[in-house]
């Protein structure tokens, strides 16, 4: 049989890897995983265009989605990081400083202890699940100012931030590497320990939504992702965190 998946680009690398492993064990199964963002995943699964819609946000938080028709499978915890060009001279910001940068109040890195350099803000579009998480838990609901650039894909954001002097944005931590600087928030880092203890705010569940109860094959794939083998293996190897180890819980 076949399974079609679309949605969150933050979840995409992990779901693609899990799909490869599942197909290797089940050669007669074909799984297609596409991105497009959380909003796309939710609307496509709701329309019946895909079997699974991947989302960084609860369906209840997305306008135009009838969450009562969808079944939520929380499969992973994903951390996001505020990231900057490596040469900005800052590796920790207070939550207030992050808010002041993204609302446009602070425009130069020297005002937060860094280099005398203009801050180049890369925003995510309004349909982005990562932006929704950022607005709710880091910006405390404040609206971001119009930045210098806007990109939805984690891969493209990473490229822009790594190549643009003074740039700042935010990414799923699966995309963080030495080409960008990961910024702590109030001294807390996007680690399993700081998230599980409730110290680090910028995380979300990775949801796989199905329209009603999943078909047997789709359920088998979701069960595989929730298995100890995948949760302790692929999930951790790819810089996500098992959904089973959380001491704090979020609700829509």
C-alpha atoms as a PDB file:
ATOM      1  CA  UNK A   1       0.000   0.000   0.000  1.00  0.00           C
ATOM      2  CA  UNK A   2       0.903   3.686  -0.043  1.00  0.00           C
ATOM      3  CA  UNK A   3       1.006   6.424   2.583  1.00  0.00           C
ATOM      4  CA  UNK A   4       1.172  10.133   1.760  1.00  0.00           C
ATOM      5  CA  UNK A   5       2.473  12.648   4.295  1.00  0.00           C
ATOM      6  CA  UNK A   6       2.804  16.452   4.083  1.00  0.00           C
ATOM      7  CA  UNK A   7       3.299  19.433   6.372  1.00  0.00           C
ATOM      8  CA  UNK A   8       5.839  20.698   8.902  1.00  0.00           C
ATOM      9  CA  UNK A   9       9.355  21.185   7.477  1.00  0.00           C
ATOM     10  CA  UNK A  10      10.726  21.054  11.040  1.00  0.00           C
ATOM     11  CA  UNK A  11       9.481  17.443  11.333  1.00  0.00           C
ATOM     12  CA  UNK A  12      10.347  16.483   7.769  1.00  0.00           C
ATOM     13  CA  UNK A  13      13.915  15.099   8.221  1.00  0.00           C
ATOM     14  CA  UNK A  14      12.831  12.799  11.049  1.00  0.00           C
ATOM     15  CA  UNK A  15       9.660  11.560   9.299  1.00  0.00           C
ATOM     16  CA  UNK A  16      11.616  10.912   6.071  1.00  0.00           C
ATOM     17  CA  UNK A  17      14.173   8.846   7.996  1.00  0.00           C
ATOM     18  CA  UNK A  18      11.453   6.865   9.813  1.00  0.00           C
ATOM     19  CA  UNK A  19       9.708   6.283   6.468  1.00  0.00           C
ATOM     20  CA  UNK A  20      12.929   4.962   4.909  1.00  0.00           C
ATOM     21  CA  UNK A  21      13.361   2.511   7.789  1.00  0.00           C
ATOM     22  CA  UNK A  22       9.693   1.407   7.637  1.00  0.00           C
ATOM     23  CA  UNK A  23       9.886   0.842   3.857  1.00  0.00           C
ATOM     24  CA  UNK A  24      13.126  -1.128   4.232  1.00  0.00           C
ATOM     25  CA  UNK A  25      11.238  -3.562   6.495  1.00  0.00           C
ATOM     26  CA  UNK A  26       8.073  -3.510   4.393  1.00  0.00           C
ATOM     27  CA  UNK A  27       9.202  -3.492   0.743  1.00  0.00           C
ATOM     28  CA  UNK A  28       5.611  -3.498  -0.566  1.00  0.00           C
ATOM     29  CA  UNK A  29       4.871  -0.156   1.155  1.00  0.00           C
ATOM     30  CA  UNK A  30       5.552   3.223  -0.489  1.00  0.00           C
ATOM     31  CA  UNK A  31       5.626   6.332   1.762  1.00  0.00           C
ATOM     32  CA  UNK A  32       5.875   9.827   0.270  1.00  0.00           C
ATOM     33  CA  UNK A  33       6.877  12.646   2.664  1.00  0.00           C
ATOM     34  CA  UNK A  34       6.570  16.289   1.596  1.00  0.00           C
ATOM     35  CA  UNK A  35       6.959  19.614   3.394  1.00  0.00           C
ATOM     36  CA  UNK A  36       4.866  22.723   2.770  1.00  0.00           C
ATOM     37  CA  UNK A  37       4.488  23.857   6.377  1.00  0.00           C
ATOM     38  CA  UNK A  38       2.131  22.944   9.221  1.00  0.00           C
ATOM     39  CA  UNK A  39      -0.828  24.876   7.771  1.00  0.00           C
ATOM     40  CA  UNK A  40      -0.515  22.926   4.521  1.00  0.00           C
ATOM     41  CA  UNK A  41      -0.308  19.619   6.380  1.00  0.00           C
ATOM     42  CA  UNK A  42      -3.453  20.358   8.395  1.00  0.00           C
ATOM     43  CA  UNK A  43      -5.507  21.589   5.433  1.00  0.00           C
ATOM     44  CA  UNK A  44      -4.403  18.718   3.162  1.00  0.00           C
ATOM     45  CA  UNK A  45      -5.207  15.983   5.683  1.00  0.00           C
ATOM     46  CA  UNK A  46      -8.531  17.643   6.399  1.00  0.00           C
ATOM     47  CA  UNK A  47      -9.382  17.667   2.666  1.00  0.00           C
ATOM     48  CA  UNK A  48      -8.341  14.014   2.357  1.00  0.00           C
ATOM     49  CA  UNK A  49      -5.474  14.921  -0.007  1.00  0.00           C
ATOM     50  CA  UNK A  50      -2.912  13.160   2.233  1.00  0.00           C
ATOM     51  CA  UNK A  51      -3.088  10.373   4.829  1.00  0.00           C
ATOM     52  CA  UNK A  52      -1.030  12.217   7.464  1.00  0.00           C
ATOM     53  CA  UNK A  53      -0.670  15.955   8.089  1.00  0.00           C
ATOM     54  CA  UNK A  54       2.466  16.858  10.058  1.00  0.00           C
ATOM     55  CA  UNK A  55       2.126  19.932  12.266  1.00  0.00           C
ATOM     56  CA  UNK A  56       4.175  21.819  14.877  1.00  0.00           C
ATOM     57  CA  UNK A  57       0.962  23.263  16.309  1.00  0.00           C
ATOM     58  CA  UNK A  58      -2.316  21.884  17.608  1.00  0.00           C
ATOM     59  CA  UNK A  59      -5.033  21.761  14.941  1.00  0.00           C
ATOM     60  CA  UNK A  60      -7.227  23.813  17.323  1.00  0.00           C
ATOM     61  CA  UNK A  61      -4.774  26.710  16.941  1.00  0.00           C
ATOM     62  CA  UNK A  62      -5.098  26.915  13.158  1.00  0.00           C
ATOM     63  CA  UNK A  63      -7.866  29.039  11.648  1.00  0.00           C
ATOM     64  CA  UNK A  64     -10.113  27.268   9.165  1.00  0.00           C
ATOM     65  CA  UNK A  65      -9.367  23.777  10.500  1.00  0.00           C
ATOM     66  CA  UNK A  66     -12.124  21.693  12.077  1.00  0.00           C
ATOM     67  CA  UNK A  67     -10.024  19.925  14.713  1.00  0.00           C
ATOM     68  CA  UNK A  68     -12.963  17.705  15.700  1.00  0.00           C
ATOM     69  CA  UNK A  69     -12.537  15.826  12.389  1.00  0.00           C
ATOM     70  CA  UNK A  70      -8.845  15.130  13.007  1.00  0.00           C
ATOM     71  CA  UNK A  71      -7.102  12.691  15.326  1.00  0.00           C
ATOM     72  CA  UNK A  72      -3.934  13.944  17.014  1.00  0.00           C
ATOM     73  CA  UNK A  73      -0.929  11.608  17.297  1.00  0.00           C
ATOM     74  CA  UNK A  74       1.885  13.347  19.208  1.00  0.00           C
ATOM     75  CA  UNK A  75       4.992  11.562  18.012  1.00  0.00           C
ATOM     76  CA  UNK A  76       7.956  13.704  19.032  1.00  0.00           C
ATOM     77  CA  UNK A  77       9.068  16.772  20.958  1.00  0.00           C
ATOM     78  CA  UNK A  78      10.958  19.233  18.826  1.00  0.00           C
ATOM     79  CA  UNK A  79      13.055  22.098  20.053  1.00  0.00           C
ATOM     80  CA  UNK A  80      13.566  25.270  18.099  1.00  0.00           C
ATOM     81  CA  UNK A  81      16.432  27.699  18.493  1.00  0.00           C
ATOM     82  CA  UNK A  82      16.926  31.377  17.902  1.00  0.00           C
ATOM     83  CA  UNK A  83      19.939  31.381  15.573  1.00  0.00           C
ATOM     84  CA  UNK A  84      22.260  34.101  14.340  1.00  0.00           C
ATOM     85  CA  UNK A  85      25.188  34.562  11.986  1.00  0.00           C
ATOM     86  CA  UNK A  86      28.294  33.194  13.789  1.00  0.00           C
ATOM     87  CA  UNK A  87      30.024  36.604  13.915  1.00  0.00           C
ATOM     88  CA  UNK A  88      27.408  38.640  15.838  1.00  0.00           C
ATOM     89  CA  UNK A  89      29.286  38.290  19.143  1.00  0.00           C
ATOM     90  CA  UNK A  90      26.286  37.133  21.223  1.00  0.00           C
ATOM     91  CA  UNK A  91      25.358  33.639  22.426  1.00  0.00           C
ATOM     92  CA  UNK A  92      22.687  34.441  25.046  1.00  0.00           C
ATOM     93  CA  UNK A  93      19.709  36.802  24.962  1.00  0.00           C
ATOM     94  CA  UNK A  94      16.986  37.453  27.494  1.00  0.00           C
ATOM     95  CA  UNK A  95      13.456  36.726  26.358  1.00  0.00           C
ATOM     96  CA  UNK A  96      12.827  40.491  26.475  1.00  0.00           C
ATOM     97  CA  UNK A  97      15.801  41.159  24.176  1.00  0.00           C
ATOM     98  CA  UNK A  98      14.519  38.577  21.682  1.00  0.00           C
ATOM     99  CA  UNK A  99      11.126  40.291  21.743  1.00  0.00           C
ATOM    100  CA  UNK A 100      12.729  43.724  21.278  1.00  0.00           C
ATOM    101  CA  UNK A 101      14.747  42.484  18.276  1.00  0.00           C
ATOM    102  CA  UNK A 102      11.780  40.861  16.535  1.00  0.00           C
ATOM    103  CA  UNK A 103       9.398  43.767  17.223  1.00  0.00           C
ATOM    104  CA  UNK A 104      12.015  46.147  15.762  1.00  0.00           C
ATOM    105  CA  UNK A 105      12.908  48.045  18.956  1.00  0.00           C
ATOM    106  CA  UNK A 106      16.533  46.847  18.949  1.00  0.00           C
ATOM    107  CA  UNK A 107      18.227  47.220  15.577  1.00  0.00           C
ATOM    108  CA  UNK A 108      21.969  46.811  16.305  1.00  0.00           C
ATOM    109  CA  UNK A 109      23.837  43.892  17.883  1.00  0.00           C
ATOM    110  CA  UNK A 110      25.874  46.289  20.033  1.00  0.00           C
ATOM    111  CA  UNK A 111      22.698  47.074  22.009  1.00  0.00           C
ATOM    112  CA  UNK A 112      22.647  43.474  23.306  1.00  0.00           C
ATOM    113  CA  UNK A 113      26.395  43.186  23.932  1.00  0.00           C
ATOM    114  CA  UNK A 114      27.497  42.133  20.467  1.00  0.00           C
ATOM    115  CA  UNK A 115      29.278  43.746  17.520  1.00  0.00           C
ATOM    116  CA  UNK A 116      28.386  47.155  16.106  1.00  0.00           C
ATOM    117  CA  UNK A 117      26.359  45.673  13.275  1.00  0.00           C
ATOM    118  CA  UNK A 118      22.838  46.102  11.966  1.00  0.00           C
ATOM    119  CA  UNK A 119      20.507  43.231  12.842  1.00  0.00           C
ATOM    120  CA  UNK A 120      19.056  41.517   9.751  1.00  0.00           C
ATOM    121  CA  UNK A 121      15.799  39.824  10.784  1.00  0.00           C
ATOM    122  CA  UNK A 122      14.577  36.789   8.838  1.00  0.00           C
ATOM    123  CA  UNK A 123      10.900  36.114   9.634  1.00  0.00           C
ATOM    124  CA  UNK A 124       8.759  33.072   8.977  1.00  0.00           C
ATOM    125  CA  UNK A 125       5.431  33.596   7.167  1.00  0.00           C
ATOM    126  CA  UNK A 126       2.194  33.729   9.109  1.00  0.00           C
ATOM    127  CA  UNK A 127       1.127  30.183   8.127  1.00  0.00           C
ATOM    128  CA  UNK A 128       4.297  28.709   9.659  1.00  0.00           C
ATOM    129  CA  UNK A 129       3.818  26.429  12.668  1.00  0.00           C
ATOM    130  CA  UNK A 130       7.295  27.373  13.904  1.00  0.00           C
ATOM    131  CA  UNK A 131       6.278  31.034  13.823  1.00  0.00           C
ATOM    132  CA  UNK A 132       3.109  30.190  15.757  1.00  0.00           C
ATOM    133  CA  UNK A 133       5.188  28.455  18.447  1.00  0.00           C
ATOM    134  CA  UNK A 134       7.666  31.361  18.514  1.00  0.00           C
ATOM    135  CA  UNK A 135       4.915  33.957  18.863  1.00  0.00           C
ATOM    136  CA  UNK A 136       3.139  32.073  21.648  1.00  0.00           C
ATOM    137  CA  UNK A 137       6.047  30.937  23.821  1.00  0.00           C
ATOM    138  CA  UNK A 138       8.923  33.352  23.067  1.00  0.00           C
ATOM    139  CA  UNK A 139       7.179  36.551  21.955  1.00  0.00           C
ATOM    140  CA  UNK A 140       4.407  36.106  24.576  1.00  0.00           C
ATOM    141  CA  UNK A 141       1.845  36.913  21.872  1.00  0.00           C
ATOM    142  CA  UNK A 142       3.564  40.073  20.576  1.00  0.00           C
ATOM    143  CA  UNK A 143       3.422  40.533  16.810  1.00  0.00           C
ATOM    144  CA  UNK A 144       6.722  40.428  14.935  1.00  0.00           C
ATOM    145  CA  UNK A 145       7.621  43.521  12.936  1.00  0.00           C
ATOM    146  CA  UNK A 146       8.109  43.131   9.213  1.00  0.00           C
ATOM    147  CA  UNK A 147      11.653  41.825   8.943  1.00  0.00           C
ATOM    148  CA  UNK A 148      14.320  42.139   6.267  1.00  0.00           C
ATOM    149  CA  UNK A 149      13.391  38.800   4.685  1.00  0.00           C
ATOM    150  CA  UNK A 150      10.695  36.140   5.000  1.00  0.00           C
ATOM    151  CA  UNK A 151      11.176  32.404   4.418  1.00  0.00           C
ATOM    152  CA  UNK A 152       9.193  29.308   5.369  1.00  0.00           C
ATOM    153  CA  UNK A 153      11.633  26.456   4.777  1.00  0.00           C
ATOM    154  CA  UNK A 154      14.064  25.621   7.594  1.00  0.00           C
ATOM    155  CA  UNK A 155      16.745  24.783   5.020  1.00  0.00           C
ATOM    156  CA  UNK A 156      16.434  28.168   3.294  1.00  0.00           C
ATOM    157  CA  UNK A 157      16.386  30.062   6.604  1.00  0.00           C
ATOM    158  CA  UNK A 158      19.576  28.244   7.643  1.00  0.00           C
ATOM    159  CA  UNK A 159      21.261  29.231   4.367  1.00  0.00           C
ATOM    160  CA  UNK A 160      20.289  32.908   4.676  1.00  0.00           C
ATOM    161  CA  UNK A 161      21.339  33.209   8.339  1.00  0.00           C
ATOM    162  CA  UNK A 162      24.676  31.464   7.754  1.00  0.00           C
ATOM    163  CA  UNK A 163      25.538  33.690   4.775  1.00  0.00           C
ATOM    164  CA  UNK A 164      24.147  37.101   5.846  1.00  0.00           C
ATOM    165  CA  UNK A 165      26.197  39.219   8.293  1.00  0.00           C
ATOM    166  CA  UNK A 166      24.084  40.300  11.281  1.00  0.00           C
ATOM    167  CA  UNK A 167      21.250  37.876  10.490  1.00  0.00           C
ATOM    168  CA  UNK A 168      18.909  36.390  13.110  1.00  0.00           C
ATOM    169  CA  UNK A 169      15.996  33.965  12.792  1.00  0.00           C
ATOM    170  CA  UNK A 170      14.850  30.680  14.312  1.00  0.00           C
ATOM    171  CA  UNK A 171      15.072  27.048  13.240  1.00  0.00           C
ATOM    172  CA  UNK A 172      14.216  23.520  14.242  1.00  0.00           C
ATOM    173  CA  UNK A 173      17.342  22.316  16.073  1.00  0.00           C
ATOM    174  CA  UNK A 174      17.736  19.425  13.637  1.00  0.00           C
ATOM    175  CA  UNK A 175      19.000  22.179  11.287  1.00  0.00           C
ATOM    176  CA  UNK A 176      21.447  23.800  13.761  1.00  0.00           C
ATOM    177  CA  UNK A 177      25.149  23.303  13.053  1.00  0.00           C
ATOM    178  CA  UNK A 178      28.449  25.202  13.219  1.00  0.00           C
ATOM    179  CA  UNK A 179      27.414  27.474  10.324  1.00  0.00           C
ATOM    180  CA  UNK A 180      24.904  29.297  12.553  1.00  0.00           C
ATOM    181  CA  UNK A 181      25.140  30.372  16.202  1.00  0.00           C
ATOM    182  CA  UNK A 182      22.514  28.883  18.512  1.00  0.00           C
ATOM    183  CA  UNK A 183      21.393  31.541  21.008  1.00  0.00           C
ATOM    184  CA  UNK A 184      20.402  30.618  24.559  1.00  0.00           C
ATOM    185  CA  UNK A 185      17.253  32.248  25.979  1.00  0.00           C
ATOM    186  CA  UNK A 186      17.715  33.509  29.558  1.00  0.00           C
ATOM    187  CA  UNK A 187      20.666  31.139  29.878  1.00  0.00           C
ATOM    188  CA  UNK A 188      18.654  28.036  28.946  1.00  0.00           C
ATOM    189  CA  UNK A 189      19.509  25.948  25.888  1.00  0.00           C
ATOM    190  CA  UNK A 190      17.383  23.793  23.551  1.00  0.00           C
ATOM    191  CA  UNK A 191      18.446  20.586  25.321  1.00  0.00           C
ATOM    192  CA  UNK A 192      16.307  17.678  26.446  1.00  0.00           C
ATOM    193  CA  UNK A 193      17.126  18.509  30.093  1.00  0.00           C
ATOM    194  CA  UNK A 194      16.207  22.211  29.944  1.00  0.00           C
ATOM    195  CA  UNK A 195      12.995  21.506  27.993  1.00  0.00           C
ATOM    196  CA  UNK A 196      11.828  18.575  30.148  1.00  0.00           C
ATOM    197  CA  UNK A 197      12.426  20.686  33.285  1.00  0.00           C
ATOM    198  CA  UNK A 198      10.404  23.599  31.903  1.00  0.00           C
ATOM    199  CA  UNK A 199      13.361  26.035  31.713  1.00  0.00           C
ATOM    200  CA  UNK A 200      13.485  26.464  27.939  1.00  0.00           C
ATOM    201  CA  UNK A 201      10.301  27.796  26.298  1.00  0.00           C
ATOM    202  CA  UNK A 202      10.822  27.323  22.555  1.00  0.00           C
ATOM    203  CA  UNK A 203       9.556  23.817  21.779  1.00  0.00           C
ATOM    204  CA  UNK A 204       6.476  22.098  20.496  1.00  0.00           C
ATOM    205  CA  UNK A 205       5.045  18.671  19.989  1.00  0.00           C
ATOM    206  CA  UNK A 206       5.425  17.217  16.549  1.00  0.00           C
ATOM    207  CA  UNK A 207       1.913  16.088  15.662  1.00  0.00           C
ATOM    208  CA  UNK A 208       0.868  13.616  12.994  1.00  0.00           C
ATOM    209  CA  UNK A 209      -2.802  14.245  12.266  1.00  0.00           C
ATOM    210  CA  UNK A 210      -5.113  11.782  10.551  1.00  0.00           C
ATOM    211  CA  UNK A 211      -8.666  12.406   9.449  1.00  0.00           C
ATOM    212  CA  UNK A 212     -10.476  10.308  12.028  1.00  0.00           C
ATOM    213  CA  UNK A 213      -9.018   6.944  12.972  1.00  0.00           C
ATOM    214  CA  UNK A 214      -6.090   6.020  10.715  1.00  0.00           C
ATOM    215  CA  UNK A 215      -6.336   3.149   8.230  1.00  0.00           C
ATOM    216  CA  UNK A 216      -4.465   0.006   9.398  1.00  0.00           C
ATOM    217  CA  UNK A 217      -1.334   0.701   7.322  1.00  0.00           C
ATOM    218  CA  UNK A 218      -1.170   4.338   8.442  1.00  0.00           C
ATOM    219  CA  UNK A 219      -1.661   3.236  12.060  1.00  0.00           C
ATOM    220  CA  UNK A 220       1.165   0.710  11.674  1.00  0.00           C
ATOM    221  CA  UNK A 221       3.516   3.496  10.511  1.00  0.00           C
ATOM    222  CA  UNK A 222       2.519   5.812  13.397  1.00  0.00           C
ATOM    223  CA  UNK A 223       2.903   2.935  15.891  1.00  0.00           C
ATOM    224  CA  UNK A 224       6.375   2.280  14.450  1.00  0.00           C
ATOM    225  CA  UNK A 225       7.327   5.942  15.023  1.00  0.00           C
ATOM    226  CA  UNK A 226       6.079   5.704  18.627  1.00  0.00           C
ATOM    227  CA  UNK A 227       8.013   2.469  19.270  1.00  0.00           C
ATOM    228  CA  UNK A 228      10.924   2.555  21.754  1.00  0.00           C
ATOM    229  CA  UNK A 229      13.266   1.644  18.936  1.00  0.00           C
ATOM    230  CA  UNK A 230      12.461   4.801  16.949  1.00  0.00           C
ATOM    231  CA  UNK A 231      11.922   7.091  19.963  1.00  0.00           C
ATOM    232  CA  UNK A 232      15.294   6.161  21.501  1.00  0.00           C
ATOM    233  CA  UNK A 233      17.030   5.735  18.126  1.00  0.00           C
ATOM    234  CA  UNK A 234      16.152   7.895  15.099  1.00  0.00           C
ATOM    235  CA  UNK A 235      14.454  10.562  17.266  1.00  0.00           C
ATOM    236  CA  UNK A 236      17.532  11.183  19.409  1.00  0.00           C
ATOM    237  CA  UNK A 237      20.055  10.725  16.599  1.00  0.00           C
ATOM    238  CA  UNK A 238      18.324  13.479  14.625  1.00  0.00           C
ATOM    239  CA  UNK A 239      18.202  15.989  17.515  1.00  0.00           C
ATOM    240  CA  UNK A 240      14.547  15.567  18.411  1.00  0.00           C
ATOM    241  CA  UNK A 241      13.379  14.353  21.818  1.00  0.00           C
ATOM    242  CA  UNK A 242      11.191  11.374  22.739  1.00  0.00           C
ATOM    243  CA  UNK A 243       7.607  12.336  23.452  1.00  0.00           C
ATOM    244  CA  UNK A 244       7.698   9.933  26.411  1.00  0.00           C
ATOM    245  CA  UNK A 245      10.233  11.797  28.597  1.00  0.00           C
ATOM    246  CA  UNK A 246       8.403  15.061  29.253  1.00  0.00           C
ATOM    247  CA  UNK A 247       7.806  16.313  32.798  1.00  0.00           C
ATOM    248  CA  UNK A 248       5.657  19.180  31.491  1.00  0.00           C
ATOM    249  CA  UNK A 249       2.638  18.983  29.195  1.00  0.00           C
ATOM    250  CA  UNK A 250       1.117  21.523  26.830  1.00  0.00           C
ATOM    251  CA  UNK A 251      -2.468  21.760  25.717  1.00  0.00           C
ATOM    252  CA  UNK A 252      -3.962  23.707  22.815  1.00  0.00           C
END
